[in-house]
Amino acid sequence: MPQMSTAMPWLVRCGVTAGLVLLACRIATPWIDAGLQQPAVTARDGSLITFNRYVAEPKPVIALVGSSVSWRLKEEYFSQASVRNLALAGGSPVTGLAIVAEQRELPKIVLIETNVLSREADDALVEQFSGGKAGPTLLRPVRMAVAAFELWNHAPPNAAQAAAAREQLLRQPPSDFDNRVYVERAVQQMNAEDPTAVARANVARIGKLIADIEQRGSRALLFEVPFQPETENTRTASITREIVAAAFPDRNRWLHIEPVRSELRWADGVHLDERSAQLVARSIEQALATKIAR
């Protein structure tokens, strides 16, 4: 008992000290970031882990860049192990493509989602990962530690586990979730937005980045993830599609994916549910195999 009473205050002091250190880091991080003109990172913590991993590990055969639409296409949904999904939830495909182009080594194939081009590229994030360097994780100790813990705590399954999970998910029937309220909201928002200016700027930058990486031996293919019919016909989707088609009219530039539409479901008319995302990932692999075989 005396040993216990002696140890407890020491443990309490350690806990309080650790808490104060973490609090100080949390308070200091925005100040340090501001002094270095770095943007605040909150939802991007997972992206920082993804890009740190991409920079640090051997380059994959296939890299996929996109927005939250492609972010749903998890790496474990693909049967090929050497696929890296660099899509950004809430971001632009240009960001991922620019980061890929900044690396000394390139993947053999880069797949570029074109659904969402109404957001500007995150040039601060591109600079952070330019030239093969990893991001300044020491400047964000608390947030990066949390993101790293989440990655460790939800480690991706091994090949056998992923294959079993894919088959089990595909054996299930399509979801019967009623998403009408969310679709109406998405349609309203997408009809109110005019993406023309930003989409044109992004398309021009994509063209330059494609020329760069293909000159260095990589191959770039554009693809479009299916939307629910109501959202496919909105102002934003239609304008974006027209701008991209005008800039890239060559059909050989496109990866035409053909999942069975009747099997697809969307949580909100825009973002695929898990089963549907897996069906689209499988369709991408099938289309890519056909493309390469030609």
Protein backbone atom coordinates (compact mmCIF):
# COMPACT_ATOMS: atom_id res chain seq x y z
CA MET A 1 0.00 0.00 0.00
CA PRO A 2 2.75 2.60 0.77
CA GLN A 3 4.27 1.90 -2.65
CA MET A 4 0.90 2.45 -4.28
CA SER A 5 0.36 5.77 -2.48
CA THR A 6 3.82 6.94 -3.54
CA ALA A 7 3.32 5.91 -7.16
CA MET A 8 -0.08 7.49 -7.64
CA PRO A 9 1.01 11.16 -7.23
CA TRP A 10 3.85 10.51 -9.67
CA LEU A 11 1.43 9.09 -12.23
CA VAL A 12 -0.90 12.02 -11.71
CA ARG A 13 1.95 14.49 -12.23
CA CYS A 14 3.00 12.67 -15.40
CA GLY A 15 -0.54 12.71 -16.73
CA VAL A 16 -0.98 16.41 -15.99
CA THR A 17 2.39 17.25 -17.57
CA ALA A 18 1.58 15.25 -20.71
CA GLY A 19 -1.79 16.97 -20.96
CA LEU A 20 -0.19 20.40 -20.65
CA VAL A 21 2.37 19.55 -23.34
CA LEU A 22 -0.33 18.41 -25.73
CA LEU A 23 -2.39 21.50 -24.98
CA ALA A 24 0.63 23.71 -25.63
CA CYS A 25 1.26 21.97 -28.95
CA ARG A 26 -2.39 22.39 -29.88
CA ILE A 27 -2.26 26.12 -29.08
CA ALA A 28 1.12 26.67 -30.73
CA THR A 29 0.39 24.81 -33.96
CA PRO A 30 -1.92 27.43 -35.54
CA TRP A 31 0.52 30.19 -34.52
CA ILE A 32 3.46 28.37 -36.09
CA ASP A 33 1.43 27.62 -39.20
CA ALA A 34 0.40 31.24 -39.54
CA GLY A 35 3.99 32.39 -39.23
CA LEU A 36 4.97 30.05 -42.06
CA GLN A 37 1.89 30.96 -44.12
CA GLN A 38 0.61 27.39 -43.97
CA PRO A 39 -3.16 26.84 -44.17
CA ALA A 40 -4.94 25.33 -41.19
CA VAL A 41 -5.36 21.60 -41.50
CA THR A 42 -8.39 19.91 -40.07
CA ALA A 43 -10.23 17.62 -42.49
CA ARG A 44 -7.01 17.25 -44.49
CA ASP A 45 -5.22 15.29 -41.74
CA GLY A 46 -6.11 12.01 -43.45
CA SER A 47 -4.86 13.44 -46.74
CA LEU A 48 -1.55 14.35 -45.12
CA ILE A 49 -1.14 10.74 -44.03
CA THR A 50 -2.05 9.56 -47.53
CA PHE A 51 0.45 11.85 -49.26
CA ASN A 52 3.19 11.17 -46.71
CA ARG A 53 2.71 7.50 -47.44
CA TYR A 54 2.73 8.12 -51.20
CA VAL A 55 5.97 10.11 -51.04
CA ALA A 56 7.73 7.70 -48.67
CA GLU A 57 6.81 4.36 -50.26
CA PRO A 58 7.77 2.92 -53.68
CA LYS A 59 5.63 4.38 -56.41
CA PRO A 60 2.51 2.36 -57.30
CA VAL A 61 1.58 1.09 -60.73
CA ILE A 62 -1.65 3.10 -60.65
CA ALA A 63 -2.40 6.39 -58.92
CA LEU A 64 -5.93 7.74 -58.80
CA VAL A 65 -6.60 11.45 -58.24
CA GLY A 66 -9.96 13.08 -57.73
CA SER A 67 -12.45 14.65 -55.36
CA SER A 68 -14.70 13.18 -52.68
CA VAL A 69 -16.51 11.37 -55.50
CA SER A 70 -13.43 9.18 -56.06
CA TRP A 71 -12.36 9.22 -52.43
CA ARG A 72 -15.08 6.58 -51.93
CA LEU A 73 -13.17 4.17 -54.20
CA LYS A 74 -11.11 2.62 -51.43
CA GLU A 75 -7.83 0.95 -52.30
CA GLU A 76 -9.03 -2.35 -50.86
CA TYR A 77 -11.88 -2.36 -53.40
CA PHE A 78 -9.32 -2.99 -56.16
CA SER A 79 -7.98 -6.50 -56.75
CA GLN A 80 -4.60 -5.09 -57.80
CA ALA A 81 -2.43 -4.29 -54.81
CA SER A 82 -0.43 -1.49 -56.43
CA VAL A 83 -3.19 1.14 -56.50
CA ARG A 84 -2.97 4.37 -54.53
CA ASN A 85 -6.04 6.55 -54.14
CA LEU A 86 -4.97 10.18 -53.75
CA ALA A 87 -8.47 11.64 -54.10
CA LEU A 88 -9.25 14.46 -51.67
CA ALA A 89 -12.51 14.63 -49.77
CA GLY A 90 -13.72 18.18 -50.37
CA GLY A 91 -10.82 18.88 -52.71
CA SER A 92 -9.81 19.07 -56.35
CA PRO A 93 -8.31 16.33 -58.53
CA VAL A 94 -5.77 18.91 -59.66
CA THR A 95 -4.15 18.85 -56.21
CA GLY A 96 -3.42 15.13 -56.35
CA LEU A 97 -2.31 15.29 -59.98
CA ALA A 98 0.08 18.16 -59.26
CA ILE A 99 1.58 16.28 -56.31
CA VAL A 100 2.08 13.19 -58.49
CA ALA A 101 3.75 15.34 -61.16
CA GLU A 102 6.10 16.87 -58.57
CA GLN A 103 7.63 13.51 -57.65
CA ARG A 104 10.91 12.24 -59.10
CA GLU A 105 9.31 8.88 -59.90
CA LEU A 106 5.91 8.49 -61.50
CA PRO A 107 3.34 5.69 -61.52
CA LYS A 108 2.82 3.93 -64.83
CA ILE A 109 -0.82 5.06 -65.00
CA VAL A 110 -2.58 8.07 -63.50
CA LEU A 111 -6.39 8.02 -63.44
CA ILE A 112 -7.97 11.47 -63.25
CA GLU A 113 -11.56 11.88 -62.11
CA THR A 114 -13.35 14.77 -63.85
CA ASN A 115 -16.67 14.95 -61.99
CA VAL A 116 -15.80 17.84 -59.69
CA LEU A 117 -13.67 20.67 -61.10
CA SER A 118 -15.35 23.59 -59.34
CA ARG A 119 -12.72 23.75 -56.58
CA GLU A 120 -9.30 25.29 -56.92
CA ALA A 121 -6.18 23.24 -56.31
CA ASP A 122 -4.60 23.35 -52.86
CA ASP A 123 -1.24 24.79 -53.91
CA ALA A 124 0.02 24.91 -50.34
CA LEU A 125 -0.45 21.16 -50.11
CA VAL A 126 1.25 20.69 -53.49
CA GLU A 127 4.25 22.72 -52.31
CA GLN A 128 4.34 20.74 -49.10
CA PHE A 129 4.85 17.49 -51.03
CA SER A 130 6.90 18.75 -53.96
CA GLY A 131 10.19 17.17 -54.92
CA GLY A 132 9.58 13.93 -53.03
CA LYS A 133 9.62 15.50 -49.59
CA ALA A 134 7.15 14.57 -46.90
CA GLY A 135 4.99 17.15 -45.22
CA PRO A 136 6.11 19.02 -42.07
CA THR A 137 4.50 16.67 -39.60
CA LEU A 138 6.35 18.20 -36.66
CA LEU A 139 4.41 21.41 -37.13
CA ARG A 140 1.14 19.61 -36.46
CA PRO A 141 1.97 17.15 -33.67
CA VAL A 142 -1.48 16.68 -32.19
CA ARG A 143 -3.45 16.44 -35.43
CA MET A 144 -0.90 14.26 -37.17
CA ALA A 145 -0.69 11.98 -34.14
CA VAL A 146 -4.46 11.57 -34.19
CA ALA A 147 -4.45 10.85 -37.93
CA ALA A 148 -1.61 8.35 -37.55
CA PHE A 149 -3.45 6.62 -34.71
CA GLU A 150 -6.58 6.38 -36.84
CA LEU A 151 -4.55 4.86 -39.68
CA TRP A 152 -2.99 2.34 -37.29
CA ASN A 153 -6.28 1.62 -35.57
CA HIS A 154 -8.02 1.06 -38.92
CA ALA A 155 -5.19 -0.59 -40.81
CA PRO A 156 -6.13 -1.76 -44.31
CA PRO A 157 -6.91 -5.48 -44.60
CA ASN A 158 -4.46 -7.87 -46.20
CA ALA A 159 -5.09 -9.26 -49.69
CA ALA A 160 -7.06 -12.30 -48.55
CA GLN A 161 -9.20 -10.28 -46.13
CA ALA A 162 -9.89 -7.63 -48.77
CA ALA A 163 -10.91 -10.24 -51.35
CA ALA A 164 -13.24 -11.96 -48.89
CA ALA A 165 -14.77 -8.63 -47.88
CA ARG A 166 -15.31 -7.69 -51.54
CA GLU A 167 -17.11 -10.90 -52.33
CA GLN A 168 -19.25 -10.71 -49.23
CA LEU A 169 -20.29 -7.14 -50.01
CA LEU A 170 -21.13 -7.93 -53.64
CA ARG A 171 -23.33 -10.85 -52.59
CA GLN A 172 -25.59 -8.40 -50.79
CA PRO A 173 -28.53 -6.82 -52.66
CA PRO A 174 -28.40 -3.12 -53.56
CA SER A 175 -29.36 -0.79 -50.73
CA ASP A 176 -32.99 0.26 -50.34
CA PHE A 177 -32.06 3.47 -48.50
CA ASP A 178 -34.42 6.34 -49.36
CA ASN A 179 -32.12 9.22 -50.32
CA ARG A 180 -34.71 11.53 -51.89
CA VAL A 181 -34.26 14.32 -49.35
CA TYR A 182 -30.50 14.34 -49.90
CA VAL A 183 -30.83 14.16 -53.67
CA GLU A 184 -33.18 17.16 -53.71
CA ARG A 185 -30.69 19.14 -51.66
CA ALA A 186 -27.77 18.13 -53.91
CA VAL A 187 -29.73 19.02 -57.07
CA GLN A 188 -30.61 22.42 -55.66
CA GLN A 189 -27.00 23.18 -54.79
CA MET A 190 -25.63 21.91 -58.09
CA ASN A 191 -28.15 23.92 -60.10
CA ALA A 192 -27.27 27.08 -58.20
CA GLU A 193 -23.54 26.80 -58.84
CA ASP A 194 -21.74 27.99 -61.98
CA PRO A 195 -18.39 26.14 -62.19
CA THR A 196 -17.35 27.62 -65.54
CA ALA A 197 -14.42 29.84 -64.56
CA VAL A 198 -12.77 27.48 -62.09
CA ALA A 199 -13.45 24.41 -64.24
CA ARG A 200 -11.80 26.00 -67.27
CA ALA A 201 -8.74 26.98 -65.25
CA ASN A 202 -8.52 23.48 -63.77
CA VAL A 203 -8.90 21.81 -67.16
CA ALA A 204 -6.10 23.96 -68.58
CA ARG A 205 -3.85 23.00 -65.68
CA ILE A 206 -4.75 19.34 -66.02
CA GLY A 207 -3.73 19.49 -69.68
CA LYS A 208 -0.32 20.89 -68.79
CA LEU A 209 0.23 18.36 -66.03
CA ILE A 210 -0.76 15.49 -68.32
CA ALA A 211 1.75 16.68 -70.92
CA ASP A 212 4.42 16.82 -68.23
CA ILE A 213 3.92 13.36 -66.78
CA GLU A 214 3.44 11.68 -70.17
CA GLN A 215 6.64 13.26 -71.43
CA ARG A 216 8.32 11.53 -68.49
CA GLY A 217 6.86 8.12 -69.34
CA SER A 218 3.61 7.94 -67.39
CA ARG A 219 0.17 7.53 -68.96
CA ALA A 220 -2.82 9.66 -67.97
CA LEU A 221 -6.45 8.63 -68.44
CA LEU A 222 -9.57 10.61 -67.60
CA PHE A 223 -12.67 9.01 -66.17
CA GLU A 224 -16.06 10.01 -64.83
CA VAL A 225 -17.77 8.36 -61.89
CA PRO A 226 -21.52 7.80 -62.49
CA PHE A 227 -23.87 10.16 -60.70
CA GLN A 228 -27.50 9.49 -59.92
CA PRO A 229 -29.57 10.58 -62.99
CA GLU A 230 -31.07 13.58 -61.18
CA THR A 231 -27.63 15.01 -60.38
CA GLU A 232 -26.06 14.07 -63.70
CA ASN A 233 -28.37 16.56 -65.41
CA THR A 234 -27.74 19.49 -63.07
CA ARG A 235 -26.15 22.74 -64.17
CA THR A 236 -22.82 22.04 -62.46
CA ALA A 237 -22.48 18.51 -63.83
CA SER A 238 -23.51 19.48 -67.35
CA ILE A 239 -21.22 22.51 -67.61
CA THR A 240 -18.28 20.61 -66.19
CA ARG A 241 -18.82 17.72 -68.59
CA GLU A 242 -19.01 20.07 -71.58
CA ILE A 243 -15.80 21.90 -70.62
CA VAL A 244 -13.87 18.68 -70.11
CA ALA A 245 -15.18 17.10 -73.32
CA ALA A 246 -14.20 20.17 -75.33
CA ALA A 247 -10.70 20.19 -73.86
CA PHE A 248 -10.14 16.43 -74.23
CA PRO A 249 -12.11 15.22 -77.28
CA ASP A 250 -9.82 12.25 -78.01
CA ARG A 251 -11.65 9.10 -76.90
CA ASN A 252 -8.33 7.35 -76.33
CA ARG A 253 -7.70 9.81 -73.53
CA TRP A 254 -10.71 8.45 -71.63
CA LEU A 255 -11.25 5.35 -69.55
CA HIS A 256 -14.85 4.46 -70.24
CA ILE A 257 -16.26 2.55 -67.30
CA GLU A 258 -19.55 0.70 -67.62
CA PRO A 259 -20.89 -0.62 -64.32
CA VAL A 260 -24.45 -1.92 -64.32
CA ARG A 261 -26.38 1.24 -63.50
CA SER A 262 -29.32 -0.58 -61.96
CA GLU A 263 -26.95 -1.99 -59.33
CA LEU A 264 -25.59 1.40 -58.25
CA ARG A 265 -26.82 3.39 -55.26
CA TRP A 266 -25.83 6.81 -53.96
CA ALA A 267 -25.98 8.13 -50.43
CA ASP A 268 -26.92 11.60 -51.68
CA GLY A 269 -27.12 11.35 -55.46
CA VAL A 270 -23.42 12.16 -55.80
CA HIS A 271 -21.40 9.85 -53.54
CA LEU A 272 -21.59 6.10 -54.07
CA ASP A 273 -22.39 3.78 -51.20
CA GLU A 274 -19.86 1.06 -50.31
CA ARG A 275 -21.23 -1.70 -52.51
CA SER A 276 -21.60 0.63 -55.50
CA ALA A 277 -18.10 2.05 -55.02
CA GLN A 278 -16.77 -1.48 -55.17
CA LEU A 279 -18.71 -2.16 -58.38
CA VAL A 280 -17.24 1.00 -59.93
CA ALA A 281 -13.73 0.02 -58.80
CA ARG A 282 -14.20 -3.38 -60.47
CA SER A 283 -15.45 -1.66 -63.63
CA ILE A 284 -12.37 0.58 -63.63
CA GLU A 285 -10.11 -2.46 -63.46
CA GLN A 286 -11.98 -4.17 -66.28
CA ALA A 287 -11.85 -1.08 -68.51
CA LEU A 288 -8.18 -0.59 -67.72
CA ALA A 289 -7.35 -4.20 -68.61
CA THR A 290 -9.12 -3.76 -71.95
CA LYS A 291 -7.36 -0.46 -72.57
CA ILE A 292 -3.90 -1.83 -71.88
CA ALA A 293 -4.53 -4.95 -73.97
CA ARG A 294 -5.17 -2.89 -77.11
